[in-house]
Amino acid sequence: MRGIHRDDLTLDIQAAAVRIDADGDMLTVYEAGDPQPEPPPILDAPYLAPLSAWDFRKMLNTLGIRAQAEAFVAAADQDTKDGYEHAGSFERDHPLLVAAIAALKLDPAEVDEKWRARAATSS
């Protein structure tokens, strides 16, 4: 096994496996006889499309937590308040949303279910 930085050289190789790191800077070549790399992890949850601000608020209403969510935002820093008020869309995997779900003791699976339903009927 060799680690090669992408700027170091160009290779013309036949390898048993090749792995490129997450930022694309390091290429690892696994030759025949080398222990093979573990396959990349499979994501636990399927991708959930972003919701428009309107659809996100409708989802909060459906969950019955609009007042709780807005109280959470009101207690947060100014950047968070501005983001909530002026965002054009909301991403399910955004760290702030993940933190809010935990802080409000919501069931992530239920949020995902309502998110999917809202995305399917979004206007």
PDB file of N, CA and C in Angstrom:
ATOM      1  N   MET A   1       0.858  -1.163   0.000  1.00  0.00           N
ATOM      2  CA  MET A   1       0.000   0.000   0.000  1.00  0.00           C
ATOM      3  C   MET A   1       0.902   1.223   0.000  1.00  0.00           C
ATOM      4  N   ARG A   2       0.542   2.232  -0.819  1.00  0.00           N
ATOM      5  CA  ARG A   2       1.302   3.481  -0.882  1.00  0.00           C
ATOM      6  C   ARG A   2       0.333   4.644  -0.810  1.00  0.00           C
ATOM      7  N   GLY A   3       0.707   5.701  -0.096  1.00  0.00           N
ATOM      8  CA  GLY A   3      -0.056   6.940  -0.100  1.00  0.00           C
ATOM      9  C   GLY A   3       0.644   7.937  -1.002  1.00  0.00           C
ATOM     10  N   ILE A   4      -0.081   8.518  -1.905  1.00  0.00           N
ATOM     11  CA  ILE A   4       0.511   9.443  -2.866  1.00  0.00           C
ATOM     12  C   ILE A   4      -0.336  10.700  -2.906  1.00  0.00           C
ATOM     13  N   HIS A   5       0.295  11.852  -2.760  1.00  0.00           N
ATOM     14  CA  HIS A   5      -0.433  13.112  -2.857  1.00  0.00           C
ATOM     15  C   HIS A   5      -0.721  13.389  -4.319  1.00  0.00           C
ATOM     16  N   ARG A   6      -1.885  13.925  -4.617  1.00  0.00           N
ATOM     17  CA  ARG A   6      -2.306  14.100  -6.015  1.00  0.00           C
ATOM     18  C   ARG A   6      -1.385  15.020  -6.797  1.00  0.00           C
ATOM     19  N   ASP A   7      -0.680  15.945  -6.139  1.00  0.00           N
ATOM     20  CA  ASP A   7       0.201  16.864  -6.852  1.00  0.00           C
ATOM     21  C   ASP A   7       1.586  16.279  -7.107  1.00  0.00           C
ATOM     22  N   ASP A   8       1.884  15.103  -6.512  1.00  0.00           N
ATOM     23  CA  ASP A   8       3.229  14.550  -6.615  1.00  0.00           C
ATOM     24  C   ASP A   8       3.525  13.921  -7.966  1.00  0.00           C
ATOM     25  N   LEU A   9       2.608  13.194  -8.531  1.00  0.00           N
ATOM     26  CA  LEU A   9       2.864  12.533  -9.796  1.00  0.00           C
ATOM     27  C   LEU A   9       1.590  11.981 -10.394  1.00  0.00           C
ATOM     28  N   THR A  10       1.699  11.594 -11.624  1.00  0.00           N
ATOM     29  CA  THR A  10       0.595  10.932 -12.312  1.00  0.00           C
ATOM     30  C   THR A  10       0.958   9.461 -12.438  1.00  0.00           C
ATOM     31  N   LEU A  11       0.018   8.586 -12.138  1.00  0.00           N
ATOM     32  CA  LEU A  11       0.282   7.153 -12.167  1.00  0.00           C
ATOM     33  C   LEU A  11      -0.507   6.476 -13.269  1.00  0.00           C
ATOM     34  N   ASP A  12       0.114   5.496 -13.867  1.00  0.00           N
ATOM     35  CA  ASP A  12      -0.581   4.595 -14.773  1.00  0.00           C
ATOM     36  C   ASP A  12      -0.373   3.216 -14.170  1.00  0.00           C
ATOM     37  N   ILE A  13      -1.350   2.759 -13.389  1.00  0.00           N
ATOM     38  CA  ILE A  13      -1.164   1.529 -12.631  1.00  0.00           C
ATOM     39  C   ILE A  13      -2.355   0.602 -12.810  1.00  0.00           C
ATOM     40  N   GLN A  14      -2.108  -0.639 -12.513  1.00  0.00           N
ATOM     41  CA  GLN A  14      -3.175  -1.613 -12.377  1.00  0.00           C
ATOM     42  C   GLN A  14      -3.137  -2.031 -10.925  1.00  0.00           C
ATOM     43  N   ALA A  15      -4.165  -1.664 -10.179  1.00  0.00           N
ATOM     44  CA  ALA A  15      -4.174  -1.927  -8.750  1.00  0.00           C
ATOM     45  C   ALA A  15      -5.381  -2.780  -8.392  1.00  0.00           C
ATOM     46  N   ALA A  16      -5.273  -3.424  -7.243  1.00  0.00           N
ATOM     47  CA  ALA A  16      -6.386  -4.209  -6.740  1.00  0.00           C
ATOM     48  C   ALA A  16      -7.492  -3.286  -6.259  1.00  0.00           C
ATOM     49  N   ALA A  17      -7.128  -2.142  -5.715  1.00  0.00           N
ATOM     50  CA  ALA A  17      -8.107  -1.163  -5.240  1.00  0.00           C
ATOM     51  C   ALA A  17      -7.432   0.189  -5.119  1.00  0.00           C
ATOM     52  N   VAL A  18      -8.204   1.229  -5.285  1.00  0.00           N
ATOM     53  CA  VAL A  18      -7.709   2.595  -5.125  1.00  0.00           C
ATOM     54  C   VAL A  18      -8.714   3.347  -4.289  1.00  0.00           C
ATOM     55  N   ARG A  19      -8.240   4.094  -3.305  1.00  0.00           N
ATOM     56  CA  ARG A  19      -9.129   4.903  -2.475  1.00  0.00           C
ATOM     57  C   ARG A  19      -8.616   6.331  -2.496  1.00  0.00           C
ATOM     58  N   ILE A  20      -9.536   7.273  -2.667  1.00  0.00           N
ATOM     59  CA  ILE A  20      -9.216   8.700  -2.618  1.00  0.00           C
ATOM     60  C   ILE A  20      -9.864   9.249  -1.369  1.00  0.00           C
ATOM     61  N   ASP A  21      -9.086  10.023  -0.578  1.00  0.00           N
ATOM     62  CA  ASP A  21      -9.655  10.529   0.671  1.00  0.00           C
ATOM     63  C   ASP A  21     -10.742  11.558   0.399  1.00  0.00           C
ATOM     64  N   ALA A  22     -11.441  11.960   1.463  1.00  0.00           N
ATOM     65  CA  ALA A  22     -12.635  12.786   1.340  1.00  0.00           C
ATOM     66  C   ALA A  22     -12.388  14.101   0.625  1.00  0.00           C
ATOM     67  N   ASP A  23     -11.234  14.739   0.835  1.00  0.00           N
ATOM     68  CA  ASP A  23     -11.014  16.019   0.170  1.00  0.00           C
ATOM     69  C   ASP A  23     -10.312  15.861  -1.172  1.00  0.00           C
ATOM     70  N   GLY A  24     -10.036  14.630  -1.575  1.00  0.00           N
ATOM     71  CA  GLY A  24      -9.479  14.376  -2.897  1.00  0.00           C
ATOM     72  C   GLY A  24      -7.989  14.614  -3.006  1.00  0.00           C
ATOM     73  N   ASP A  25      -7.283  14.832  -1.895  1.00  0.00           N
ATOM     74  CA  ASP A  25      -5.859  15.137  -1.942  1.00  0.00           C
ATOM     75  C   ASP A  25      -4.961  13.916  -1.886  1.00  0.00           C
ATOM     76  N   MET A  26      -5.413  12.847  -1.270  1.00  0.00           N
ATOM     77  CA  MET A  26      -4.550  11.683  -1.078  1.00  0.00           C
ATOM     78  C   MET A  26      -5.144  10.480  -1.794  1.00  0.00           C
ATOM     79  N   LEU A  27      -4.308   9.826  -2.563  1.00  0.00           N
ATOM     80  CA  LEU A  27      -4.677   8.625  -3.299  1.00  0.00           C
ATOM     81  C   LEU A  27      -3.945   7.463  -2.647  1.00  0.00           C
ATOM     82  N   THR A  28      -4.656   6.440  -2.253  1.00  0.00           N
ATOM     83  CA  THR A  28      -4.035   5.262  -1.671  1.00  0.00           C
ATOM     84  C   THR A  28      -4.219   4.113  -2.651  1.00  0.00           C
ATOM     85  N   VAL A  29      -3.110   3.494  -3.026  1.00  0.00           N
ATOM     86  CA  VAL A  29      -3.130   2.398  -3.990  1.00  0.00           C
ATOM     87  C   VAL A  29      -2.904   1.099  -3.225  1.00  0.00           C
ATOM     88  N   TYR A  30      -3.827   0.156  -3.380  1.00  0.00           N
ATOM     89  CA  TYR A  30      -3.713  -1.163  -2.768  1.00  0.00           C
ATOM     90  C   TYR A  30      -3.348  -2.145  -3.876  1.00  0.00           C
ATOM     91  N   GLU A  31      -2.157  -2.697  -3.779  1.00  0.00           N
ATOM     92  CA  GLU A  31      -1.693  -3.614  -4.804  1.00  0.00           C
ATOM     93  C   GLU A  31      -2.082  -5.047  -4.444  1.00  0.00           C
ATOM     94  N   ALA A  32      -1.980  -5.929  -5.411  1.00  0.00           N
ATOM     95  CA  ALA A  32      -2.288  -7.336  -5.160  1.00  0.00           C
ATOM     96  C   ALA A  32      -1.464  -7.827  -3.978  1.00  0.00           C
ATOM     97  N   GLY A  33      -2.095  -8.530  -3.059  1.00  0.00           N
ATOM     98  CA  GLY A  33      -1.409  -9.034  -1.878  1.00  0.00           C
ATOM     99  C   GLY A  33      -1.538  -8.114  -0.675  1.00  0.00           C
ATOM    100  N   ASP A  34      -1.833  -6.838  -0.880  1.00  0.00           N
ATOM    101  CA  ASP A  34      -2.045  -5.914   0.238  1.00  0.00           C
ATOM    102  C   ASP A  34      -3.390  -6.228   0.884  1.00  0.00           C
ATOM    103  N   PRO A  35      -3.490  -6.001   2.195  1.00  0.00           N
ATOM    104  CA  PRO A  35      -4.822  -6.108   2.804  1.00  0.00           C
ATOM    105  C   PRO A  35      -5.745  -5.082   2.140  1.00  0.00           C
ATOM    106  N   GLN A  36      -6.923  -5.510   1.775  1.00  0.00           N
ATOM    107  CA  GLN A  36      -7.834  -4.623   1.057  1.00  0.00           C
ATOM    108  C   GLN A  36      -8.546  -3.672   2.028  1.00  0.00           C
ATOM    109  N   PRO A  37      -8.879  -2.472   1.550  1.00  0.00           N
ATOM    110  CA  PRO A  37      -9.537  -1.496   2.415  1.00  0.00           C
ATOM    111  C   PRO A  37     -10.969  -1.911   2.736  1.00  0.00           C
ATOM    112  N   GLU A  38     -11.445  -1.397   3.856  1.00  0.00           N
ATOM    113  CA  GLU A  38     -12.854  -1.591   4.190  1.00  0.00           C
ATOM    114  C   GLU A  38     -13.677  -0.790   3.189  1.00  0.00           C
ATOM    115  N   PRO A  39     -14.825  -1.296   2.787  1.00  0.00           N
ATOM    116  CA  PRO A  39     -15.669  -0.506   1.884  1.00  0.00           C
ATOM    117  C   PRO A  39     -16.163   0.748   2.608  1.00  0.00           C
ATOM    118  N   PRO A  40     -16.432   1.814   1.868  1.00  0.00           N
ATOM    119  CA  PRO A  40     -16.930   3.026   2.514  1.00  0.00           C
ATOM    120  C   PRO A  40     -18.250   2.752   3.225  1.00  0.00           C
ATOM    121  N   PRO A  41     -18.509   3.469   4.311  1.00  0.00           N
ATOM    122  CA  PRO A  41     -19.747   3.218   5.048  1.00  0.00           C
ATOM    123  C   PRO A  41     -20.972   3.585   4.217  1.00  0.00           C
ATOM    124  N   ILE A  42     -22.027   2.854   4.451  1.00  0.00           N
ATOM    125  CA  ILE A  42     -23.305   3.157   3.809  1.00  0.00           C
ATOM    126  C   ILE A  42     -24.041   4.111   4.732  1.00  0.00           C
ATOM    127  N   LEU A  43     -24.571   5.161   4.165  1.00  0.00           N
ATOM    128  CA  LEU A  43     -25.283   6.139   4.973  1.00  0.00           C
ATOM    129  C   LEU A  43     -26.486   5.498   5.650  1.00  0.00           C
ATOM    130  N   ASP A  44     -26.683   5.859   6.914  1.00  0.00           N
ATOM    131  CA  ASP A  44     -27.790   5.302   7.685  1.00  0.00           C
ATOM    132  C   ASP A  44     -29.147   5.721   7.136  1.00  0.00           C
ATOM    133  N   ALA A  45     -29.254   6.967   6.774  1.00  0.00           N
ATOM    134  CA  ALA A  45     -30.548   7.492   6.370  1.00  0.00           C
ATOM    135  C   ALA A  45     -30.479   7.986   4.927  1.00  0.00           C
ATOM    136  N   PRO A  46     -31.554   7.827   4.210  1.00  0.00           N
ATOM    137  CA  PRO A  46     -31.580   8.351   2.850  1.00  0.00           C
ATOM    138  C   PRO A  46     -31.573   9.879   2.860  1.00  0.00           C
ATOM    139  N   TYR A  47     -31.135  10.434   1.773  1.00  0.00           N
ATOM    140  CA  TYR A  47     -31.089  11.886   1.625  1.00  0.00           C
ATOM    141  C   TYR A  47     -32.508  12.455   1.692  1.00  0.00           C
ATOM    142  N   LEU A  48     -32.668  13.531   2.435  1.00  0.00           N
ATOM    143  CA  LEU A  48     -33.946  14.227   2.498  1.00  0.00           C
ATOM    144  C   LEU A  48     -33.766  15.600   1.865  1.00  0.00           C
ATOM    145  N   ALA A  49     -34.558  15.872   0.858  1.00  0.00           N
ATOM    146  CA  ALA A  49     -34.446  17.137   0.134  1.00  0.00           C
ATOM    147  C   ALA A  49     -34.734  18.314   1.059  1.00  0.00           C
ATOM    148  N   PRO A  50     -34.072  19.445   0.812  1.00  0.00           N
ATOM    149  CA  PRO A  50     -34.379  20.631   1.620  1.00  0.00           C
ATOM    150  C   PRO A  50     -35.850  21.024   1.471  1.00  0.00           C
ATOM    151  N   LEU A  51     -36.379  21.650   2.521  1.00  0.00           N
ATOM    152  CA  LEU A  51     -37.743  22.182   2.484  1.00  0.00           C
ATOM    153  C   LEU A  51     -37.674  23.690   2.361  1.00  0.00           C
ATOM    154  N   SER A  52     -38.604  24.261   1.618  1.00  0.00           N
ATOM    155  CA  SER A  52     -38.704  25.715   1.578  1.00  0.00           C
ATOM    156  C   SER A  52     -39.057  26.199   2.986  1.00  0.00           C
ATOM    157  N   ALA A  53     -38.821  27.474   3.242  1.00  0.00           N
ATOM    158  CA  ALA A  53     -39.132  28.033   4.564  1.00  0.00           C
ATOM    159  C   ALA A  53     -40.612  27.827   4.900  1.00  0.00           C
ATOM    160  N   TRP A  54     -41.480  28.023   3.916  1.00  0.00           N
ATOM    161  CA  TRP A  54     -42.917  27.864   4.143  1.00  0.00           C
ATOM    162  C   TRP A  54     -43.251  26.405   4.480  1.00  0.00           C
ATOM    163  N   ASP A  55     -42.704  25.473   3.686  1.00  0.00           N
ATOM    164  CA  ASP A  55     -42.960  24.057   3.947  1.00  0.00           C
ATOM    165  C   ASP A  55     -42.371  23.618   5.283  1.00  0.00           C
ATOM    166  N   PHE A  56     -41.217  24.163   5.651  1.00  0.00           N
ATOM    167  CA  PHE A  56     -40.620  23.828   6.939  1.00  0.00           C
ATOM    168  C   PHE A  56     -41.540  24.260   8.082  1.00  0.00           C
ATOM    169  N   ARG A  57     -42.083  25.469   7.992  1.00  0.00           N
ATOM    170  CA  ARG A  57     -42.982  25.952   9.042  1.00  0.00           C
ATOM    171  C   ARG A  57     -44.294  25.155   9.077  1.00  0.00           C
ATOM    172  N   LYS A  58     -44.781  24.755   7.896  1.00  0.00           N
ATOM    173  CA  LYS A  58     -45.969  23.896   7.864  1.00  0.00           C
ATOM    174  C   LYS A  58     -45.677  22.550   8.520  1.00  0.00           C
ATOM    175  N   MET A  59     -44.467  22.025   8.334  1.00  0.00           N
ATOM    176  CA  MET A  59     -44.100  20.776   8.981  1.00  0.00           C
ATOM    177  C   MET A  59     -44.064  20.955  10.503  1.00  0.00           C
ATOM    178  N   LEU A  60     -43.532  22.082  10.970  1.00  0.00           N
ATOM    179  CA  LEU A  60     -43.528  22.350  12.415  1.00  0.00           C
ATOM    180  C   LEU A  60     -44.964  22.371  12.946  1.00  0.00           C
ATOM    181  N   ASN A  61     -45.867  22.976  12.176  1.00  0.00           N
ATOM    182  CA  ASN A  61     -47.276  22.996  12.584  1.00  0.00           C
ATOM    183  C   ASN A  61     -47.843  21.579  12.657  1.00  0.00           C
ATOM    184  N   THR A  62     -47.531  20.758  11.659  1.00  0.00           N
ATOM    185  CA  THR A  62     -48.015  19.375  11.618  1.00  0.00           C
ATOM    186  C   THR A  62     -47.521  18.590  12.832  1.00  0.00           C
ATOM    187  N   LEU A  63     -46.272  18.827  13.214  1.00  0.00           N
ATOM    188  CA  LEU A  63     -45.700  18.153  14.381  1.00  0.00           C
ATOM    189  C   LEU A  63     -46.222  18.748  15.692  1.00  0.00           C
ATOM    190  N   GLY A  64     -46.863  19.915  15.606  1.00  0.00           N
ATOM    191  CA  GLY A  64     -47.373  20.574  16.805  1.00  0.00           C
ATOM    192  C   GLY A  64     -46.287  21.194  17.660  1.00  0.00           C
ATOM    193  N   ILE A  65     -45.171  21.576  17.023  1.00  0.00           N
ATOM    194  CA  ILE A  65     -44.039  22.105  17.797  1.00  0.00           C
ATOM    195  C   ILE A  65     -43.581  23.485  17.328  1.00  0.00           C
ATOM    196  N   ARG A  66     -44.432  24.164  16.592  1.00  0.00           N
ATOM    197  CA  ARG A  66     -44.006  25.467  16.063  1.00  0.00           C
ATOM    198  C   ARG A  66     -43.600  26.416  17.187  1.00  0.00           C
ATOM    199  N   ALA A  67     -44.396  26.526  18.230  1.00  0.00           N
ATOM    200  CA  ALA A  67     -44.086  27.437  19.333  1.00  0.00           C
ATOM    201  C   ALA A  67     -42.791  27.016  20.039  1.00  0.00           C
ATOM    202  N   GLN A  68     -42.604  25.714  20.258  1.00  0.00           N
ATOM    203  CA  GLN A  68     -41.374  25.228  20.886  1.00  0.00           C
ATOM    204  C   GLN A  68     -40.153  25.546  20.027  1.00  0.00           C
ATOM    205  N   ALA A  69     -40.267  25.310  18.723  1.00  0.00           N
ATOM    206  CA  ALA A  69     -39.147  25.559  17.815  1.00  0.00           C
ATOM    207  C   ALA A  69     -38.800  27.040  17.791  1.00  0.00           C
ATOM    208  N   GLU A  70     -39.818  27.885  17.762  1.00  0.00           N
ATOM    209  CA  GLU A  70     -39.548  29.317  17.716  1.00  0.00           C
ATOM    210  C   GLU A  70     -39.011  29.831  19.047  1.00  0.00           C
ATOM    211  N   ALA A  71     -39.388  29.201  20.166  1.00  0.00           N
ATOM    212  CA  ALA A  71     -38.805  29.548  21.468  1.00  0.00           C
ATOM    213  C   ALA A  71     -37.327  29.146  21.502  1.00  0.00           C
ATOM    214  N   PHE A  72     -37.010  27.987  20.913  1.00  0.00           N
ATOM    215  CA  PHE A  72     -35.625  27.537  20.818  1.00  0.00           C
ATOM    216  C   PHE A  72     -34.799  28.557  20.043  1.00  0.00           C
ATOM    217  N   VAL A  73     -35.334  29.010  18.910  1.00  0.00           N
ATOM    218  CA  VAL A  73     -34.634  29.994  18.085  1.00  0.00           C
ATOM    219  C   VAL A  73     -34.500  31.321  18.835  1.00  0.00           C
ATOM    220  N   ALA A  74     -35.569  31.759  19.510  1.00  0.00           N
ATOM    221  CA  ALA A  74     -35.548  33.027  20.239  1.00  0.00           C
ATOM    222  C   ALA A  74     -34.475  33.042  21.334  1.00  0.00           C
ATOM    223  N   ALA A  75     -34.169  31.873  21.890  1.00  0.00           N
ATOM    224  CA  ALA A  75     -33.156  31.786  22.947  1.00  0.00           C
ATOM    225  C   ALA A  75     -31.739  31.651  22.385  1.00  0.00           C
ATOM    226  N   ALA A  76     -31.627  31.517  21.078  1.00  0.00           N
ATOM    227  CA  ALA A  76     -30.321  31.297  20.436  1.00  0.00           C
ATOM    228  C   ALA A  76     -29.627  32.627  20.123  1.00  0.00           C
ATOM    229  N   ASP A  77     -28.424  32.535  19.545  1.00  0.00           N
ATOM    230  CA  ASP A  77     -27.673  33.747  19.190  1.00  0.00           C
ATOM    231  C   ASP A  77     -28.294  34.443  17.976  1.00  0.00           C
ATOM    232  N   GLN A  78     -27.826  35.643  17.712  1.00  0.00           N
ATOM    233  CA  GLN A  78     -28.419  36.459  16.643  1.00  0.00           C
ATOM    234  C   GLN A  78     -28.260  35.816  15.264  1.00  0.00           C
ATOM    235  N   ASP A  79     -27.126  35.160  15.010  1.00  0.00           N
ATOM    236  CA  ASP A  79     -26.946  34.498  13.712  1.00  0.00           C
ATOM    237  C   ASP A  79     -28.007  33.416  13.495  1.00  0.00           C
ATOM    238  N   THR A  80     -28.307  32.678  14.548  1.00  0.00           N
ATOM    239  CA  THR A  80     -29.331  31.638  14.446  1.00  0.00           C
ATOM    240  C   THR A  80     -30.695  32.262  14.197  1.00  0.00           C
ATOM    241  N   LYS A  81     -31.011  33.335  14.917  1.00  0.00           N
ATOM    242  CA  LYS A  81     -32.298  34.024  14.710  1.00  0.00           C
ATOM    243  C   LYS A  81     -32.410  34.529  13.281  1.00  0.00           C
ATOM    244  N   ASP A  82     -31.334  35.154  12.784  1.00  0.00           N
ATOM    245  CA  ASP A  82     -31.348  35.667  11.408  1.00  0.00           C
ATOM    246  C   ASP A  82     -31.498  34.524  10.405  1.00  0.00           C
ATOM    247  N   GLY A  83     -30.786  33.422  10.651  1.00  0.00           N
ATOM    248  CA  GLY A  83     -30.869  32.277   9.748  1.00  0.00           C
ATOM    249  C   GLY A  83     -32.283  31.724   9.674  1.00  0.00           C
ATOM    250  N   TYR A  84     -32.928  31.587  10.829  1.00  0.00           N
ATOM    251  CA  TYR A  84     -34.293  31.057  10.856  1.00  0.00           C
ATOM    252  C   TYR A  84     -35.261  32.005  10.137  1.00  0.00           C
ATOM    253  N   GLU A  85     -35.107  33.295  10.402  1.00  0.00           N
ATOM    254  CA  GLU A  85     -36.037  34.270   9.827  1.00  0.00           C
ATOM    255  C   GLU A  85     -35.850  34.458   8.329  1.00  0.00           C
ATOM    256  N   HIS A  86     -34.612  34.384   7.852  1.00  0.00           N
ATOM    257  CA  HIS A  86     -34.332  34.745   6.455  1.00  0.00           C
ATOM    258  C   HIS A  86     -33.958  33.578   5.551  1.00  0.00           C
ATOM    259  N   ALA A  87     -33.908  32.368   6.091  1.00  0.00           N
ATOM    260  CA  ALA A  87     -33.534  31.209   5.258  1.00  0.00           C
ATOM    261  C   ALA A  87     -34.574  30.980   4.170  1.00  0.00           C
ATOM    262  N   GLY A  88     -34.089  30.677   2.985  1.00  0.00           N
ATOM    263  CA  GLY A  88     -34.996  30.332   1.889  1.00  0.00           C
ATOM    264  C   GLY A  88     -35.386  28.870   1.930  1.00  0.00           C
ATOM    265  N   SER A  89     -34.520  28.062   2.556  1.00  0.00           N
ATOM    266  CA  SER A  89     -34.803  26.635   2.680  1.00  0.00           C
ATOM    267  C   SER A  89     -34.106  26.096   3.921  1.00  0.00           C
ATOM    268  N   PHE A  90     -34.534  24.909   4.335  1.00  0.00           N
ATOM    269  CA  PHE A  90     -33.976  24.245   5.507  1.00  0.00           C
ATOM    270  C   PHE A  90     -33.518  22.852   5.106  1.00  0.00           C
ATOM    271  N   GLU A  91     -32.319  22.468   5.586  1.00  0.00           N
ATOM    272  CA  GLU A  91     -31.745  21.162   5.290  1.00  0.00           C
ATOM    273  C   GLU A  91     -31.860  20.279   6.521  1.00  0.00           C
ATOM    274  N   ARG A  92     -32.367  19.079   6.355  1.00  0.00           N
ATOM    275  CA  ARG A  92     -32.619  18.173   7.471  1.00  0.00           C
ATOM    276  C   ARG A  92     -31.354  17.834   8.246  1.00  0.00           C
ATOM    277  N   ASP A  93     -30.211  17.743   7.559  1.00  0.00           N
ATOM    278  CA  ASP A  93     -28.980  17.347   8.237  1.00  0.00           C
ATOM    279  C   ASP A  93     -28.131  18.525   8.708  1.00  0.00           C
ATOM    280  N   HIS A  94     -28.673  19.750   8.667  1.00  0.00           N
ATOM    281  CA  HIS A  94     -27.921  20.911   9.152  1.00  0.00           C
ATOM    282  C   HIS A  94     -27.660  20.730  10.647  1.00  0.00           C
ATOM    283  N   PRO A  95     -26.427  21.002  11.110  1.00  0.00           N
ATOM    284  CA  PRO A  95     -26.100  20.790  12.528  1.00  0.00           C
ATOM    285  C   PRO A  95     -27.033  21.516  13.501  1.00  0.00           C
ATOM    286  N   LEU A  96     -27.493  22.701  13.158  1.00  0.00           N
ATOM    287  CA  LEU A  96     -28.398  23.423  14.047  1.00  0.00           C
ATOM    288  C   LEU A  96     -29.742  22.696  14.160  1.00  0.00           C
ATOM    289  N   LEU A  97     -30.225  22.174  13.064  1.00  0.00           N
ATOM    290  CA  LEU A  97     -31.495  21.442  13.097  1.00  0.00           C
ATOM    291  C   LEU A  97     -31.343  20.137  13.882  1.00  0.00           C
ATOM    292  N   VAL A  98     -30.229  19.463  13.690  1.00  0.00           N
ATOM    293  CA  VAL A  98     -29.968  18.230  14.454  1.00  0.00           C
ATOM    294  C   VAL A  98     -29.928  18.550  15.955  1.00  0.00           C
ATOM    295  N   ALA A  99     -29.264  19.678  16.324  1.00  0.00           N
ATOM    296  CA  ALA A  99     -29.194  20.088  17.730  1.00  0.00           C
ATOM    297  C   ALA A  99     -30.570  20.455  18.268  1.00  0.00           C
ATOM    298  N   ALA A 100     -31.372  21.132  17.464  1.00  0.00           N
ATOM    299  CA  ALA A 100     -32.716  21.524  17.899  1.00  0.00           C
ATOM    300  C   ALA A 100     -33.587  20.285  18.144  1.00  0.00           C
ATOM    301  N   ILE A 101     -33.489  19.306  17.279  1.00  0.00           N
ATOM    302  CA  ILE A 101     -34.270  18.072  17.440  1.00  0.00           C
ATOM    303  C   ILE A 101     -33.909  17.397  18.765  1.00  0.00           C
ATOM    304  N   ALA A 102     -32.608  17.360  19.069  1.00  0.00           N
ATOM    305  CA  ALA A 102     -32.168  16.765  20.340  1.00  0.00           C
ATOM    306  C   ALA A 102     -32.634  17.610  21.525  1.00  0.00           C
ATOM    307  N   ALA A 103     -32.470  18.929  21.436  1.00  0.00           N
ATOM    308  CA  ALA A 103     -32.833  19.820  22.549  1.00  0.00           C
ATOM    309  C   ALA A 103     -34.331  19.779  22.833  1.00  0.00           C
ATOM    310  N   LEU A 104     -35.133  19.634  21.784  1.00  0.00           N
ATOM    311  CA  LEU A 104     -36.589  19.592  21.954  1.00  0.00           C
ATOM    312  C   LEU A 104     -37.092  18.175  22.227  1.00  0.00           C
ATOM    313  N   LYS A 105     -36.148  17.242  22.338  1.00  0.00           N
ATOM    314  CA  LYS A 105     -36.470  15.833  22.639  1.00  0.00           C
ATOM    315  C   LYS A 105     -37.472  15.237  21.644  1.00  0.00           C
ATOM    316  N   LEU A 106     -37.228  15.537  20.372  1.00  0.00           N
ATOM    317  CA  LEU A 106     -38.085  15.003  19.313  1.00  0.00           C
ATOM    318  C   LEU A 106     -37.542  13.664  18.847  1.00  0.00           C
ATOM    319  N   ASP A 107     -38.401  12.848  18.304  1.00  0.00           N
ATOM    320  CA  ASP A 107     -38.002  11.577  17.723  1.00  0.00           C
ATOM    321  C   ASP A 107     -37.506  11.850  16.296  1.00  0.00           C
ATOM    322  N   PRO A 108     -36.199  11.668  16.019  1.00  0.00           N
ATOM    323  CA  PRO A 108     -35.681  11.949  14.679  1.00  0.00           C
ATOM    324  C   PRO A 108     -36.413  11.189  13.579  1.00  0.00           C
ATOM    325  N   ALA A 109     -36.837   9.966  13.853  1.00  0.00           N
ATOM    326  CA  ALA A 109     -37.560   9.179  12.844  1.00  0.00           C
ATOM    327  C   ALA A 109     -38.903   9.829  12.509  1.00  0.00           C
ATOM    328  N   GLU A 110     -39.581  10.371  13.517  1.00  0.00           N
ATOM    329  CA  GLU A 110     -40.853  11.054  13.264  1.00  0.00           C
ATOM    330  C   GLU A 110     -40.629  12.335  12.468  1.00  0.00           C
ATOM    331  N   VAL A 111     -39.565  13.064  12.816  1.00  0.00           N
ATOM    332  CA  VAL A 111     -39.238  14.273  12.054  1.00  0.00           C
ATOM    333  C   VAL A 111     -38.965  13.906  10.601  1.00  0.00           C
ATOM    334  N   ASP A 112     -38.182  12.844  10.377  1.00  0.00           N
ATOM    335  CA  ASP A 112     -37.885  12.398   9.013  1.00  0.00           C
ATOM    336  C   ASP A 112     -39.166  12.039   8.257  1.00  0.00           C
ATOM    337  N   GLU A 113     -40.065  11.340   8.930  1.00  0.00           N
ATOM    338  CA  GLU A 113     -41.330  10.940   8.303  1.00  0.00           C
ATOM    339  C   GLU A 113     -42.134  12.171   7.877  1.00  0.00           C
ATOM    340  N   LYS A 114     -42.257  13.133   8.787  1.00  0.00           N
ATOM    341  CA  LYS A 114     -43.005  14.351   8.463  1.00  0.00           C
ATOM    342  C   LYS A 114     -42.281  15.169   7.402  1.00  0.00           C
ATOM    343  N   TRP A 115     -40.953  15.152   7.453  1.00  0.00           N
ATOM    344  CA  TRP A 115     -40.147  15.874   6.452  1.00  0.00           C
ATOM    345  C   TRP A 115     -40.428  15.300   5.058  1.00  0.00           C
ATOM    346  N   ARG A 116     -40.393  13.966   4.958  1.00  0.00           N
ATOM    347  CA  ARG A 116     -40.655  13.327   3.665  1.00  0.00           C
ATOM    348  C   ARG A 116     -42.061  13.640   3.161  1.00  0.00           C
ATOM    349  N   ALA A 117     -43.030  13.578   4.061  1.00  0.00           N
ATOM    350  CA  ALA A 117     -44.419  13.853   3.682  1.00  0.00           C
ATOM    351  C   ALA A 117     -44.559  15.285   3.202  1.00  0.00           C
ATOM    352  N   ARG A 118     -43.911  16.201   3.889  1.00  0.00           N
ATOM    353  CA  ARG A 118     -44.009  17.626   3.505  1.00  0.00           C
ATOM    354  C   ARG A 118     -43.319  17.842   2.172  1.00  0.00           C
ATOM    355  N   ALA A 119     -42.154  17.192   1.979  1.00  0.00           N
ATOM    356  CA  ALA A 119     -41.420  17.349   0.713  1.00  0.00           C
ATOM    357  C   ALA A 119     -42.242  16.791  -0.461  1.00  0.00           C
ATOM    358  N   ALA A 120     -42.992  15.720  -0.208  1.00  0.00           N
ATOM    359  CA  ALA A 120     -43.784  15.090  -1.270  1.00  0.00           C
ATOM    360  C   ALA A 120     -44.960  15.961  -1.688  1.00  0.00           C
ATOM    361  N   THR A 121     -45.417  16.817  -0.796  1.00  0.00           N
ATOM    362  CA  THR A 121     -46.573  17.672  -1.110  1.00  0.00           C
ATOM    363  C   THR A 121     -46.203  19.157  -1.191  1.00  0.00           C
ATOM    364  N   SER A 122     -44.885  19.426  -1.253  1.00  0.00           N
ATOM    365  CA  SER A 122     -44.446  20.830  -1.206  1.00  0.00           C
ATOM    366  C   SER A 122     -45.031  21.628  -2.353  1.00  0.00           C
ATOM    367  N   SER A 123     -45.252  22.900  -2.030  1.00  0.00           N
ATOM    368  CA  SER A 123     -45.879  23.769  -3.028  1.00  0.00           C
ATOM    369  C   SER A 123     -44.861  24.497  -3.857  1.00  0.00           C
TER     370      SER A 123
END
